[in-house]
Amino acid sequence: MPKLKTKRGAAKRFRKRAGGSVKRGKAFLRHILTKKNTKRKRHLRGGTEVHSADRAAVRVMLPY
């Protein structure tokens, strides 16, 4: 069997955790930040887990 290629766009956006879950960053913190309040921006910091419905699709994009 040939080796599977990793989707490079996905590799930049997702990281696999030791337990098998997938970590992702949060959206809506790139621009137009003046109208968003401080609490909203603070809660968008850090990472979160990929939803269970999308986990299989991300695993296909990150085979290794």
N, C-alpha and C. Protein backbone atom coordinates (compact mmCIF):
# COMPACT_ATOMS: atom_id res chain seq x y z
N MET A 1 0.84 -1.19 0.00
CA MET A 1 0.00 0.00 0.00
C MET A 1 0.88 1.25 0.00
N PRO A 2 0.50 2.25 -0.77
CA PRO A 2 1.27 3.50 -0.74
C PRO A 2 0.99 4.27 0.54
N LYS A 3 1.92 5.14 0.86
CA LYS A 3 1.73 5.99 2.03
C LYS A 3 0.63 6.99 1.75
N LEU A 4 -0.09 7.38 2.81
CA LEU A 4 -1.14 8.38 2.68
C LEU A 4 -0.56 9.76 2.92
N LYS A 5 -0.98 10.72 2.10
CA LYS A 5 -0.50 12.08 2.30
C LYS A 5 -1.38 12.80 3.32
N THR A 6 -0.75 13.62 4.12
CA THR A 6 -1.46 14.47 5.07
C THR A 6 -1.95 15.70 4.35
N LYS A 7 -3.19 16.12 4.61
CA LYS A 7 -3.70 17.39 4.07
C LYS A 7 -3.00 18.52 4.81
N ARG A 8 -2.18 19.29 4.12
CA ARG A 8 -1.33 20.27 4.78
C ARG A 8 -2.14 21.40 5.43
N GLY A 9 -3.28 21.75 4.84
CA GLY A 9 -4.13 22.77 5.46
C GLY A 9 -4.68 22.30 6.79
N ALA A 10 -5.03 21.02 6.88
CA ALA A 10 -5.54 20.46 8.12
C ALA A 10 -4.43 20.33 9.16
N ALA A 11 -3.22 20.02 8.71
CA ALA A 11 -2.09 19.87 9.63
C ALA A 11 -1.78 21.19 10.33
N LYS A 12 -2.05 22.30 9.66
CA LYS A 12 -1.80 23.62 10.24
C LYS A 12 -2.91 24.03 11.21
N ARG A 13 -4.09 23.41 11.09
CA ARG A 13 -5.24 23.82 11.89
C ARG A 13 -5.53 22.90 13.07
N PHE A 14 -5.14 21.64 12.98
CA PHE A 14 -5.50 20.66 14.00
C PHE A 14 -4.26 20.00 14.57
N ARG A 15 -4.34 19.57 15.84
CA ARG A 15 -3.28 18.80 16.48
C ARG A 15 -3.92 17.60 17.17
N LYS A 16 -3.29 16.44 17.04
CA LYS A 16 -3.79 15.26 17.73
C LYS A 16 -3.31 15.26 19.17
N ARG A 17 -4.19 14.90 20.09
CA ARG A 17 -3.84 14.79 21.49
C ARG A 17 -3.49 13.34 21.81
N ALA A 18 -2.86 13.16 22.96
CA ALA A 18 -2.40 11.82 23.35
C ALA A 18 -3.56 10.84 23.49
N GLY A 19 -4.71 11.31 23.95
CA GLY A 19 -5.86 10.44 24.16
C GLY A 19 -6.63 10.10 22.90
N GLY A 20 -6.23 10.69 21.76
CA GLY A 20 -6.90 10.39 20.50
C GLY A 20 -7.84 11.48 20.03
N SER A 21 -8.16 12.44 20.90
CA SER A 21 -9.03 13.53 20.47
C SER A 21 -8.22 14.53 19.63
N VAL A 22 -8.90 15.45 19.00
CA VAL A 22 -8.25 16.41 18.11
C VAL A 22 -8.52 17.82 18.62
N LYS A 23 -7.46 18.60 18.72
CA LYS A 23 -7.54 19.97 19.23
C LYS A 23 -7.64 20.94 18.06
N ARG A 24 -8.43 22.00 18.24
CA ARG A 24 -8.56 23.03 17.21
C ARG A 24 -8.59 24.40 17.85
N GLY A 25 -8.30 25.41 17.08
CA GLY A 25 -8.41 26.78 17.55
C GLY A 25 -9.83 27.28 17.38
N LYS A 26 -10.15 28.40 17.98
CA LYS A 26 -11.49 28.96 17.87
C LYS A 26 -11.53 30.05 16.80
N ALA A 27 -12.69 30.23 16.21
CA ALA A 27 -12.88 31.21 15.14
C ALA A 27 -13.30 32.56 15.72
N PHE A 28 -13.39 33.56 14.86
CA PHE A 28 -13.91 34.90 15.15
C PHE A 28 -12.99 35.74 16.03
N LEU A 29 -11.68 35.55 15.91
CA LEU A 29 -10.76 36.37 16.69
C LEU A 29 -9.66 36.95 15.79
N ARG A 30 -9.93 37.12 14.51
CA ARG A 30 -8.91 37.58 13.58
C ARG A 30 -8.99 39.07 13.28
N HIS A 31 -10.19 39.58 13.06
CA HIS A 31 -10.34 40.98 12.69
C HIS A 31 -11.71 41.47 13.15
N ILE A 32 -11.96 42.77 12.97
CA ILE A 32 -13.18 43.44 13.47
C ILE A 32 -13.35 43.17 14.97
N LEU A 33 -12.29 43.48 15.71
CA LEU A 33 -12.30 43.18 17.14
C LEU A 33 -12.84 44.32 17.98
N THR A 34 -13.01 45.51 17.39
CA THR A 34 -13.43 46.67 18.18
C THR A 34 -14.86 46.54 18.67
N LYS A 35 -15.71 45.90 17.89
CA LYS A 35 -17.13 45.78 18.29
C LYS A 35 -17.37 44.59 19.22
N LYS A 36 -16.39 43.70 19.35
CA LYS A 36 -16.55 42.55 20.24
C LYS A 36 -16.07 42.92 21.64
N ASN A 37 -16.85 42.55 22.64
CA ASN A 37 -16.46 42.95 23.99
C ASN A 37 -15.33 42.06 24.52
N THR A 38 -14.69 42.52 25.58
CA THR A 38 -13.48 41.88 26.10
C THR A 38 -13.76 40.46 26.57
N LYS A 39 -14.91 40.25 27.20
CA LYS A 39 -15.25 38.92 27.68
C LYS A 39 -15.36 37.93 26.52
N ARG A 40 -15.99 38.37 25.45
CA ARG A 40 -16.15 37.50 24.28
C ARG A 40 -14.80 37.13 23.67
N LYS A 41 -13.90 38.11 23.56
CA LYS A 41 -12.57 37.85 23.00
C LYS A 41 -11.74 36.95 23.92
N ARG A 42 -11.88 37.13 25.23
CA ARG A 42 -11.14 36.33 26.18
C ARG A 42 -11.56 34.86 26.12
N HIS A 43 -12.85 34.63 25.94
CA HIS A 43 -13.34 33.26 25.88
C HIS A 43 -13.00 32.57 24.56
N LEU A 44 -12.61 33.34 23.56
CA LEU A 44 -12.21 32.76 22.28
C LEU A 44 -10.73 32.35 22.27
N ARG A 45 -9.98 32.72 23.32
CA ARG A 45 -8.58 32.31 23.39
C ARG A 45 -8.46 30.84 23.69
N GLY A 46 -7.29 30.28 23.40
CA GLY A 46 -7.05 28.88 23.71
C GLY A 46 -7.71 27.96 22.70
N GLY A 47 -7.59 26.68 22.93
CA GLY A 47 -8.13 25.69 22.01
C GLY A 47 -9.34 24.99 22.57
N THR A 48 -9.95 24.20 21.73
CA THR A 48 -11.07 23.37 22.14
C THR A 48 -11.02 22.08 21.32
N GLU A 49 -11.90 21.15 21.62
CA GLU A 49 -11.89 19.86 20.95
C GLU A 49 -12.78 19.89 19.71
N VAL A 50 -12.37 19.16 18.68
CA VAL A 50 -13.19 19.02 17.48
C VAL A 50 -14.46 18.24 17.84
N HIS A 51 -15.59 18.67 17.31
CA HIS A 51 -16.87 18.03 17.61
C HIS A 51 -16.86 16.58 17.13
N SER A 52 -17.59 15.74 17.83
CA SER A 52 -17.61 14.31 17.53
C SER A 52 -18.11 14.02 16.11
N ALA A 53 -18.99 14.87 15.58
CA ALA A 53 -19.51 14.67 14.23
C ALA A 53 -18.44 14.90 13.17
N ASP A 54 -17.44 15.74 13.48
CA ASP A 54 -16.39 16.07 12.52
C ASP A 54 -15.11 15.28 12.75
N ARG A 55 -15.04 14.51 13.82
CA ARG A 55 -13.80 13.84 14.20
C ARG A 55 -13.33 12.86 13.13
N ALA A 56 -14.24 12.10 12.53
CA ALA A 56 -13.86 11.12 11.52
C ALA A 56 -13.27 11.80 10.29
N ALA A 57 -13.82 12.93 9.89
CA ALA A 57 -13.31 13.65 8.72
C ALA A 57 -11.91 14.19 8.98
N VAL A 58 -11.66 14.66 10.19
CA VAL A 58 -10.34 15.19 10.53
C VAL A 58 -9.33 14.06 10.59
N ARG A 59 -9.72 12.90 11.09
CA ARG A 59 -8.79 11.76 11.16
C ARG A 59 -8.37 11.30 9.77
N VAL A 60 -9.26 11.39 8.78
CA VAL A 60 -8.92 11.04 7.41
C VAL A 60 -7.88 12.03 6.86
N MET A 61 -8.02 13.30 7.21
CA MET A 61 -7.09 14.31 6.72
C MET A 61 -5.72 14.23 7.41
N LEU A 62 -5.70 13.68 8.64
CA LEU A 62 -4.45 13.55 9.40
C LEU A 62 -4.18 12.07 9.67
N PRO A 63 -3.68 11.33 8.71
CA PRO A 63 -3.54 9.88 8.91
C PRO A 63 -2.45 9.48 9.89
N TYR A 64 -1.45 10.34 10.13
CA TYR A 64 -0.30 9.93 10.96
C TYR A 64 -0.13 10.78 12.18
